[in-house]
PDB file of N, CA and C in Angstrom:
ATOM      1  N   MET A   1      10.910  13.673  10.832  1.00  0.00           N
ATOM      2  CA  MET A   1      11.109  14.319   9.847  1.00  0.00           C
ATOM      3  C   MET A   1      11.165  15.761  10.672  1.00  0.00           C
ATOM      4  N   THR A   2      12.183  16.325   9.959  1.00  0.00           N
ATOM      5  CA  THR A   2      12.069  17.648  10.254  1.00  0.00           C
ATOM      6  C   THR A   2      11.467  18.850   9.076  1.00  0.00           C
ATOM      7  N   GLU A   3      11.069  19.794   9.718  1.00  0.00           N
ATOM      8  CA  GLU A   3      11.032  20.924   9.080  1.00  0.00           C
ATOM      9  C   GLU A   3      11.679  21.461   7.973  1.00  0.00           C
ATOM     10  N   GLU A   4      13.255  21.489   8.305  1.00  0.00           N
ATOM     11  CA  GLU A   4      13.924  21.563   6.851  1.00  0.00           C
ATOM     12  C   GLU A   4      13.665  20.671   5.870  1.00  0.00           C
ATOM     13  N   GLN A   5      13.665  18.873   6.256  1.00  0.00           N
ATOM     14  CA  GLN A   5      13.598  17.926   5.469  1.00  0.00           C
ATOM     15  C   GLN A   5      12.247  18.245   4.711  1.00  0.00           C
ATOM     16  N   ARG A   6      11.172  18.131   5.556  1.00  0.00           N
ATOM     17  CA  ARG A   6       9.725  18.773   4.780  1.00  0.00           C
ATOM     18  C   ARG A   6      10.068  19.198   3.628  1.00  0.00           C
ATOM     19  N   ARG A   7      10.516  20.784   4.194  1.00  0.00           N
ATOM     20  CA  ARG A   7      10.582  21.650   2.964  1.00  0.00           C
ATOM     21  C   ARG A   7      10.932  21.079   1.202  1.00  0.00           C
ATOM     22  N   ARG A   8      12.170  20.297   2.044  1.00  0.00           N
ATOM     23  CA  ARG A   8      12.773  19.689   1.074  1.00  0.00           C
ATOM     24  C   ARG A   8      12.476  18.718   0.002  1.00  0.00           C
ATOM     25  N   ALA A   9      11.306  17.718   0.980  1.00  0.00           N
ATOM     26  CA  ALA A   9      10.867  17.329  -0.167  1.00  0.00           C
ATOM     27  C   ALA A   9       9.381  17.490  -0.823  1.00  0.00           C
ATOM     28  N   PHE A  10       9.232  18.429  -0.400  1.00  0.00           N
ATOM     29  CA  PHE A  10       8.328  19.262  -1.201  1.00  0.00           C
ATOM     30  C   PHE A  10       8.829  20.002  -2.544  1.00  0.00           C
ATOM     31  N   GLN A  11       9.497  20.639  -1.938  1.00  0.00           N
ATOM     32  CA  GLN A  11      10.082  21.450  -3.656  1.00  0.00           C
ATOM     33  C   GLN A  11      10.980  20.035  -4.087  1.00  0.00           C
ATOM     34  N   LYS A  12      11.102  19.375  -4.115  1.00  0.00           N
ATOM     35  CA  LYS A  12      11.800  18.059  -5.034  1.00  0.00           C
ATOM     36  C   LYS A  12      10.329  17.664  -5.704  1.00  0.00           C
ATOM     37  N   VAL A  13       8.985  17.804  -5.331  1.00  0.00           N
ATOM     38  CA  VAL A  13       7.839  16.751  -5.740  1.00  0.00           C
ATOM     39  C   VAL A  13       7.372  18.545  -6.508  1.00  0.00           C
ATOM     40  N   LYS A  14       7.245  19.565  -6.431  1.00  0.00           N
ATOM     41  CA  LYS A  14       7.294  20.344  -7.223  1.00  0.00           C
ATOM     42  C   LYS A  14       7.566  20.629  -8.172  1.00  0.00           C
ATOM     43  N   THR A  15       8.898  20.269  -8.507  1.00  0.00           N
ATOM     44  CA  THR A  15       9.283  19.764  -9.506  1.00  0.00           C
ATOM     45  C   THR A  15       9.065  18.410 -10.897  1.00  0.00           C
ATOM     46  N   TYR A  16       8.552  17.596 -10.525  1.00  0.00           N
ATOM     47  CA  TYR A  16       7.913  16.772 -10.827  1.00  0.00           C
ATOM     48  C   TYR A  16       7.311  16.844 -12.395  1.00  0.00           C
ATOM     49  N   SER A  17       7.573  16.509 -13.460  1.00  0.00           N
ATOM     50  CA  SER A  17       6.312  16.311 -14.491  1.00  0.00           C
ATOM     51  C   SER A  17       5.123  15.416 -13.769  1.00  0.00           C
ATOM     52  N   ASN A  18       3.869  15.953 -15.073  1.00  0.00           N
ATOM     53  CA  ASN A  18       2.584  15.505 -14.005  1.00  0.00           C
ATOM     54  C   ASN A  18       3.110  14.007 -14.465  1.00  0.00           C
ATOM     55  N   ASN A  19       4.084  13.124 -15.452  1.00  0.00           N
ATOM     56  CA  ASN A  19       3.833  11.744 -14.563  1.00  0.00           C
ATOM     57  C   ASN A  19       4.381  11.226 -14.496  1.00  0.00           C
ATOM     58  N   LYS A  20       5.955  12.322 -13.847  1.00  0.00           N
ATOM     59  CA  LYS A  20       6.524  11.586 -13.148  1.00  0.00           C
ATOM     60  C   LYS A  20       5.814  11.612 -12.015  1.00  0.00           C
ATOM     61  N   PHE A  21       5.101  12.622 -11.071  1.00  0.00           N
ATOM     62  CA  PHE A  21       4.499  12.777 -10.178  1.00  0.00           C
ATOM     63  C   PHE A  21       3.358  12.198  -9.932  1.00  0.00           C
ATOM     64  N   TRP A  22       2.373  11.361 -11.217  1.00  0.00           N
ATOM     65  CA  TRP A  22       1.607   9.950 -10.547  1.00  0.00           C
ATOM     66  C   TRP A  22       2.433   9.004 -10.665  1.00  0.00           C
ATOM     67  N   SER A  23       3.303   8.306 -10.921  1.00  0.00           N
ATOM     68  CA  SER A  23       4.141   7.563 -11.308  1.00  0.00           C
ATOM     69  C   SER A  23       4.717   7.458  -9.320  1.00  0.00           C
ATOM     70  N   TRP A  24       5.040   8.716  -8.947  1.00  0.00           N
ATOM     71  CA  TRP A  24       5.204   8.904  -7.436  1.00  0.00           C
ATOM     72  C   TRP A  24       4.497   8.526  -6.791  1.00  0.00           C
ATOM     73  N   MET A  25       3.069   9.234  -7.107  1.00  0.00           N
ATOM     74  CA  MET A  25       2.414   8.654  -6.389  1.00  0.00           C
ATOM     75  C   MET A  25       1.554   7.372  -6.272  1.00  0.00           C
ATOM     76  N   ASN A  26       1.814   6.512  -6.940  1.00  0.00           N
ATOM     77  CA  ASN A  26       1.160   4.898  -7.237  1.00  0.00           C
ATOM     78  C   ASN A  26       2.186   4.315  -6.226  1.00  0.00           C
ATOM     79  N   PHE A  27       3.842   4.869  -6.145  1.00  0.00           N
ATOM     80  CA  PHE A  27       4.429   4.596  -5.495  1.00  0.00           C
ATOM     81  C   PHE A  27       4.558   4.642  -3.750  1.00  0.00           C
ATOM     82  N   ILE A  28       3.912   5.828  -3.795  1.00  0.00           N
ATOM     83  CA  ILE A  28       3.779   5.958  -1.708  1.00  0.00           C
ATOM     84  C   ILE A  28       2.873   5.273  -1.906  1.00  0.00           C
ATOM     85  N   HIS A  29       1.598   5.103  -2.968  1.00  0.00           N
ATOM     86  CA  HIS A  29       0.386   4.512  -2.213  1.00  0.00           C
ATOM     87  C   HIS A  29       0.586   2.536  -2.770  1.00  0.00           C
ATOM     88  N   SER A  30       1.099   2.687  -3.713  1.00  0.00           N
ATOM     89  CA  SER A  30       1.638   0.905  -2.726  1.00  0.00           C
ATOM     90  C   SER A  30       2.337   0.624  -2.069  1.00  0.00           C
ATOM     91  N   ARG A  31       3.503   1.457  -1.825  1.00  0.00           N
ATOM     92  CA  ARG A  31       3.951   1.259  -0.290  1.00  0.00           C
ATOM     93  C   ARG A  31       3.238   1.430   0.927  1.00  0.00           C
ATOM     94  N   ALA A  32       2.294   2.332   1.284  1.00  0.00           N
ATOM     95  CA  ALA A  32       1.542   2.200   1.971  1.00  0.00           C
ATOM     96  C   ALA A  32      -0.005   0.772   2.370  1.00  0.00           C
ATOM     97  N   TYR A  33      -0.015   0.654   1.196  1.00  0.00           N
ATOM     98  CA  TYR A  33      -1.079  -0.267   0.998  1.00  0.00           C
ATOM     99  C   TYR A  33      -0.406  -1.530   1.505  1.00  0.00           C
ATOM    100  N   ALA A  34       1.167  -1.993   0.687  1.00  0.00           N
ATOM    101  CA  ALA A  34       1.896  -3.594   1.210  1.00  0.00           C
ATOM    102  C   ALA A  34       1.982  -3.277   2.997  1.00  0.00           C
ATOM    103  N   LYS A  35       1.978  -1.938   3.727  1.00  0.00           N
ATOM    104  CA  LYS A  35       2.485  -2.084   4.573  1.00  0.00           C
ATOM    105  C   LYS A  35       1.329  -2.371   5.818  1.00  0.00           C
ATOM    106  N   ALA A  36      -0.510  -1.154   5.400  1.00  0.00           N
ATOM    107  CA  ALA A  36      -1.040  -1.435   5.786  1.00  0.00           C
ATOM    108  C   ALA A  36      -1.725  -3.170   5.707  1.00  0.00           C
ATOM    109  N   GLU A  37      -1.364  -3.927   4.815  1.00  0.00           N
ATOM    110  CA  GLU A  37      -1.805  -5.046   4.560  1.00  0.00           C
ATOM    111  C   GLU A  37      -1.144  -6.390   5.952  1.00  0.00           C
ATOM    112  N   GLN A  38       0.177  -5.565   5.519  1.00  0.00           N
ATOM    113  CA  GLN A  38       1.406  -6.392   6.621  1.00  0.00           C
ATOM    114  C   GLN A  38       0.636  -6.551   7.632  1.00  0.00           C
ATOM    115  N   HIS A  39      -0.035  -5.469   8.460  1.00  0.00           N
ATOM    116  CA  HIS A  39       0.068  -4.606   9.482  1.00  0.00           C
ATOM    117  C   HIS A  39      -1.220  -5.401   9.828  1.00  0.00           C
ATOM    118  N   TYR A  40      -1.947  -5.824   8.898  1.00  0.00           N
ATOM    119  CA  TYR A  40      -3.727  -6.506   9.507  1.00  0.00           C
ATOM    120  C   TYR A  40      -3.189  -7.720   9.502  1.00  0.00           C
ATOM    121  N   LEU A  41      -2.305  -8.768   8.405  1.00  0.00           N
ATOM    122  CA  LEU A  41      -2.517  -9.734   8.305  1.00  0.00           C
ATOM    123  C   LEU A  41      -1.454 -10.757   9.980  1.00  0.00           C
ATOM    124  N   GLU A  42      -0.720  -9.637   9.937  1.00  0.00           N
ATOM    125  CA  GLU A  42      -0.135 -10.244  11.873  1.00  0.00           C
ATOM    126  C   GLU A  42      -0.768 -10.056  12.929  1.00  0.00           C
ATOM    127  N   ALA A  43      -1.906  -8.849  12.650  1.00  0.00           N
ATOM    128  CA  ALA A  43      -2.858  -8.548  13.455  1.00  0.00           C
ATOM    129  C   ALA A  43      -3.716 -10.211  13.741  1.00  0.00           C
ATOM    130  N   MET A  44      -3.639 -10.550  12.207  1.00  0.00           N
ATOM    131  CA  MET A  44      -5.080 -11.040  12.687  1.00  0.00           C
ATOM    132  C   MET A  44      -4.760 -12.712  12.775  1.00  0.00           C
ATOM    133  N   ASP A  45      -3.180 -13.177  12.425  1.00  0.00           N
ATOM    134  CA  ASP A  45      -2.486 -14.193  12.914  1.00  0.00           C
ATOM    135  C   ASP A  45      -2.274 -14.373  14.085  1.00  0.00           C
ATOM    136  N   ILE A  46      -2.531 -13.049  15.003  1.00  0.00           N
ATOM    137  CA  ILE A  46      -2.746 -13.287  16.499  1.00  0.00           C
ATOM    138  C   ILE A  46      -3.918 -13.224  17.136  1.00  0.00           C
ATOM    139  N   VAL A  47      -4.823 -12.549  16.555  1.00  0.00           N
ATOM    140  CA  VAL A  47      -6.257 -12.489  17.241  1.00  0.00           C
ATOM    141  C   VAL A  47      -7.071 -13.258  16.682  1.00  0.00           C
ATOM    142  N   LEU A  48      -7.011 -14.419  15.384  1.00  0.00           N
ATOM    143  CA  LEU A  48      -8.284 -14.877  15.195  1.00  0.00           C
ATOM    144  C   LEU A  48      -7.432 -16.633  14.585  1.00  0.00           C
ATOM    145  N   GLN A  49      -8.648 -17.252  14.497  1.00  0.00           N
ATOM    146  CA  GLN A  49      -7.899 -18.900  14.207  1.00  0.00           C
ATOM    147  C   GLN A  49      -7.981 -18.016  12.446  1.00  0.00           C
ATOM    148  N   PRO A  50      -6.729 -19.275  11.735  1.00  0.00           N
ATOM    149  CA  PRO A  50      -7.459 -19.316  10.648  1.00  0.00           C
ATOM    150  C   PRO A  50      -8.233 -19.318   9.952  1.00  0.00           C
ATOM    151  N   LYS A  51      -9.521 -20.229  10.490  1.00  0.00           N
ATOM    152  CA  LYS A  51     -10.987 -19.779   9.836  1.00  0.00           C
ATOM    153  C   LYS A  51     -11.551 -18.400   9.576  1.00  0.00           C
ATOM    154  N   GLN A  52     -11.516 -18.036  10.488  1.00  0.00           N
ATOM    155  CA  GLN A  52     -11.966 -16.605  10.570  1.00  0.00           C
ATOM    156  C   GLN A  52     -11.066 -15.951   9.878  1.00  0.00           C
ATOM    157  N   LYS A  53      -9.289 -15.894  10.137  1.00  0.00           N
ATOM    158  CA  LYS A  53      -8.853 -14.826   9.219  1.00  0.00           C
ATOM    159  C   LYS A  53      -9.508 -15.475   7.998  1.00  0.00           C
ATOM    160  N   LYS A  54      -9.619 -16.002   6.905  1.00  0.00           N
ATOM    161  CA  LYS A  54      -9.632 -16.666   5.758  1.00  0.00           C
ATOM    162  C   LYS A  54     -11.513 -15.790   5.578  1.00  0.00           C
ATOM    163  N   ALA A  55     -11.906 -15.760   5.888  1.00  0.00           N
ATOM    164  CA  ALA A  55     -13.215 -15.303   5.949  1.00  0.00           C
ATOM    165  C   ALA A  55     -13.154 -13.864   6.531  1.00  0.00           C
ATOM    166  N   VAL A  56     -12.226 -12.924   6.886  1.00  0.00           N
ATOM    167  CA  VAL A  56     -12.030 -11.506   6.966  1.00  0.00           C
ATOM    168  C   VAL A  56     -10.701 -10.989   5.642  1.00  0.00           C
ATOM    169  N   MET A  57     -10.816 -11.674   5.635  1.00  0.00           N
ATOM    170  CA  MET A  57     -10.272 -12.152   3.375  1.00  0.00           C
ATOM    171  C   MET A  57     -10.954 -11.397   2.832  1.00  0.00           C
ATOM    172  N   ALA A  58     -11.679 -12.764   3.214  1.00  0.00           N
ATOM    173  CA  ALA A  58     -12.717 -13.181   1.180  1.00  0.00           C
ATOM    174  C   ALA A  58     -13.746 -11.698   1.720  1.00  0.00           C
ATOM    175  N   LYS A  59     -13.703 -11.019   3.109  1.00  0.00           N
ATOM    176  CA  LYS A  59     -15.014  -9.578   2.698  1.00  0.00           C
ATOM    177  C   LYS A  59     -14.405  -8.976   2.359  1.00  0.00           C
ATOM    178  N   ALA A  60     -12.846  -8.812   2.685  1.00  0.00           N
ATOM    179  CA  ALA A  60     -12.189  -6.984   2.975  1.00  0.00           C
ATOM    180  C   ALA A  60     -11.955  -7.360   1.106  1.00  0.00           C
ATOM    181  N   LYS A  61     -11.761  -8.675   0.733  1.00  0.00           N
ATOM    182  CA  LYS A  61     -11.155  -8.602  -0.672  1.00  0.00           C
ATOM    183  C   LYS A  61     -12.584  -8.341  -1.798  1.00  0.00           C
ATOM    184  N   GLU A  62     -14.017  -8.677  -0.736  1.00  0.00           N
ATOM    185  CA  GLU A  62     -14.951  -7.761  -1.799  1.00  0.00           C
ATOM    186  C   GLU A  62     -15.608  -6.750  -1.181  1.00  0.00           C
ATOM    187  N   ILE A  63     -15.186  -5.739  -0.291  1.00  0.00           N
ATOM    188  CA  ILE A  63     -15.393  -5.050  -0.455  1.00  0.00           C
ATOM    189  C   ILE A  63     -14.777  -3.976  -1.052  1.00  0.00           C
ATOM    190  N   ARG A  64     -13.322  -4.265  -1.201  1.00  0.00           N
ATOM    191  CA  ARG A  64     -12.526  -3.630  -2.313  1.00  0.00           C
ATOM    192  C   ARG A  64     -12.760  -3.460  -3.420  1.00  0.00           C
ATOM    193  N   GLU A  65     -13.737  -4.965  -4.155  1.00  0.00           N
ATOM    194  CA  GLU A  65     -13.489  -5.301  -5.119  1.00  0.00           C
ATOM    195  C   GLU A  65     -15.196  -4.551  -5.629  1.00  0.00           C
ATOM    196  N   GLN A  66     -16.016  -4.784  -5.248  1.00  0.00           N
ATOM    197  CA  GLN A  66     -17.537  -5.190  -5.345  1.00  0.00           C
ATOM    198  C   GLN A  66     -17.806  -4.100  -4.755  1.00  0.00           C
ATOM    199  N   TRP A  67     -17.580  -3.305  -3.419  1.00  0.00           N
ATOM    200  CA  TRP A  67     -17.827  -1.354  -3.267  1.00  0.00           C
ATOM    201  C   TRP A  67     -17.471  -0.376  -3.921  1.00  0.00           C
ATOM    202  N   ASP A  68     -15.847  -0.216  -3.946  1.00  0.00           N
ATOM    203  CA  ASP A  68     -15.004  -0.038  -3.633  1.00  0.00           C
ATOM    204  C   ASP A  68     -15.007   0.555  -5.634  1.00  0.00           C
ATOM    205  N   GLY A  69     -15.203  -0.791  -6.196  1.00  0.00           N
ATOM    206  CA  GLY A  69     -14.526  -1.116  -7.543  1.00  0.00           C
ATOM    207  C   GLY A  69     -13.712  -1.047  -7.387  1.00  0.00           C
ATOM    208  N   MET A  70     -12.493  -1.629  -6.694  1.00  0.00           N
ATOM    209  CA  MET A  70     -11.003  -1.453  -6.844  1.00  0.00           C
ATOM    210  C   MET A  70     -10.762  -2.302  -6.913  1.00  0.00           C
ATOM    211  N   ALA A  71      -9.673  -2.962  -8.182  1.00  0.00           N
ATOM    212  CA  ALA A  71      -9.606  -4.324  -8.845  1.00  0.00           C
ATOM    213  C   ALA A  71      -8.432  -4.612  -7.513  1.00  0.00           C
ATOM    214  N   THR A  72      -8.036  -5.935  -7.583  1.00  0.00           N
ATOM    215  CA  THR A  72      -7.114  -6.661  -6.443  1.00  0.00           C
ATOM    216  C   THR A  72      -5.482  -5.519  -7.178  1.00  0.00           C
ATOM    217  N   VAL A  73      -5.300  -5.354  -6.415  1.00  0.00           N
ATOM    218  CA  VAL A  73      -3.840  -5.137  -6.646  1.00  0.00           C
ATOM    219  C   VAL A  73      -2.583  -5.646  -6.155  1.00  0.00           C
ATOM    220  N   THR A  74      -1.623  -6.603  -6.815  1.00  0.00           N
ATOM    221  CA  THR A  74      -0.458  -7.448  -6.705  1.00  0.00           C
ATOM    222  C   THR A  74       0.822  -6.734  -6.961  1.00  0.00           C
ATOM    223  N   LEU A  75       1.696  -7.158  -5.870  1.00  0.00           N
ATOM    224  CA  LEU A  75       3.203  -6.619  -5.539  1.00  0.00           C
ATOM    225  C   LEU A  75       3.809  -6.866  -6.646  1.00  0.00           C
ATOM    226  N   GLU A  76       3.245  -7.772  -7.718  1.00  0.00           N
ATOM    227  CA  GLU A  76       4.198  -7.707  -8.818  1.00  0.00           C
ATOM    228  C   GLU A  76       3.197  -7.086 -10.014  1.00  0.00           C
ATOM    229  N   ASP A  77       2.999  -6.303  -9.701  1.00  0.00           N
ATOM    230  CA  ASP A  77       2.138  -5.171 -10.795  1.00  0.00           C
ATOM    231  C   ASP A  77       2.355  -4.173 -10.235  1.00  0.00           C
ATOM    232  N   THR A  78       2.760  -3.778  -8.613  1.00  0.00           N
ATOM    233  CA  THR A  78       3.611  -2.550  -9.381  1.00  0.00           C
ATOM    234  C   THR A  78       4.686  -2.502  -8.671  1.00  0.00           C
ATOM    235  N   GLU A  79       4.618  -1.317  -8.435  1.00  0.00           N
ATOM    236  CA  GLU A  79       6.262  -1.094  -7.941  1.00  0.00           C
ATOM    237  C   GLU A  79       6.759  -1.096  -6.436  1.00  0.00           C
ATOM    238  N   GLY A  80       5.688  -1.713  -6.241  1.00  0.00           N
ATOM    239  CA  GLY A  80       5.581  -2.476  -4.781  1.00  0.00           C
ATOM    240  C   GLY A  80       6.095  -3.597  -4.060  1.00  0.00           C
ATOM    241  N   ALA A  81       7.034  -3.949  -5.516  1.00  0.00           N
ATOM    242  CA  ALA A  81       7.714  -5.704  -6.024  1.00  0.00           C
ATOM    243  C   ALA A  81       9.407  -5.262  -5.346  1.00  0.00           C
ATOM    244  N   GLU A  82       9.596  -4.172  -5.513  1.00  0.00           N
ATOM    245  CA  GLU A  82      10.844  -3.660  -5.223  1.00  0.00           C
ATOM    246  C   GLU A  82      10.832  -3.590  -3.634  1.00  0.00           C
ATOM    247  N   LEU A  83       9.982  -2.914  -3.225  1.00  0.00           N
ATOM    248  CA  LEU A  83       9.349  -2.360  -1.439  1.00  0.00           C
ATOM    249  C   LEU A  83       9.563  -4.396  -0.856  1.00  0.00           C
ATOM    250  N   GLN A  84       8.976  -5.039  -1.571  1.00  0.00           N
ATOM    251  CA  GLN A  84       9.002  -6.399  -1.495  1.00  0.00           C
ATOM    252  C   GLN A  84       9.334  -7.676  -0.967  1.00  0.00           C
ATOM    253  N   SER A  85      10.782  -6.679  -2.100  1.00  0.00           N
ATOM    254  CA  SER A  85      11.938  -7.492  -1.702  1.00  0.00           C
ATOM    255  C   SER A  85      12.866  -7.207  -0.964  1.00  0.00           C
ATOM    256  N   LEU A  86      12.420  -5.460  -0.559  1.00  0.00           N
ATOM    257  CA  LEU A  86      13.602  -5.038   0.763  1.00  0.00           C
ATOM    258  C   LEU A  86      12.950  -5.965   2.340  1.00  0.00           C
ATOM    259  N   GLY A  87      11.982  -6.098   1.633  1.00  0.00           N
ATOM    260  CA  GLY A  87      10.667  -6.999   2.822  1.00  0.00           C
ATOM    261  C   GLY A  87      10.462  -5.993   3.739  1.00  0.00           C
ATOM    262  N   VAL A  88       9.577  -4.830   3.152  1.00  0.00           N
ATOM    263  CA  VAL A  88       8.489  -4.072   3.694  1.00  0.00           C
ATOM    264  C   VAL A  88       7.474  -4.031   3.159  1.00  0.00           C
TER     265      VAL A  88
END
């Protein structure tokens, strides 16, 4: 991204209302979360045995839900469903 593109994106975000800003933030975070999940699942497919992968996924869910207090977010519940349909 060039400096000019960054400046324009920043100016656009500054025009958002409070609700639109938080909706946009949820979209961006959902997209980042979906991409991160894709990366670690692909990595586990390459490196781990299926039983190990299942154990890692269970531990990640425990950490997210119990340690951090974050409920599981599904792509169907977020704007990430649109990204999933695009293959992101």
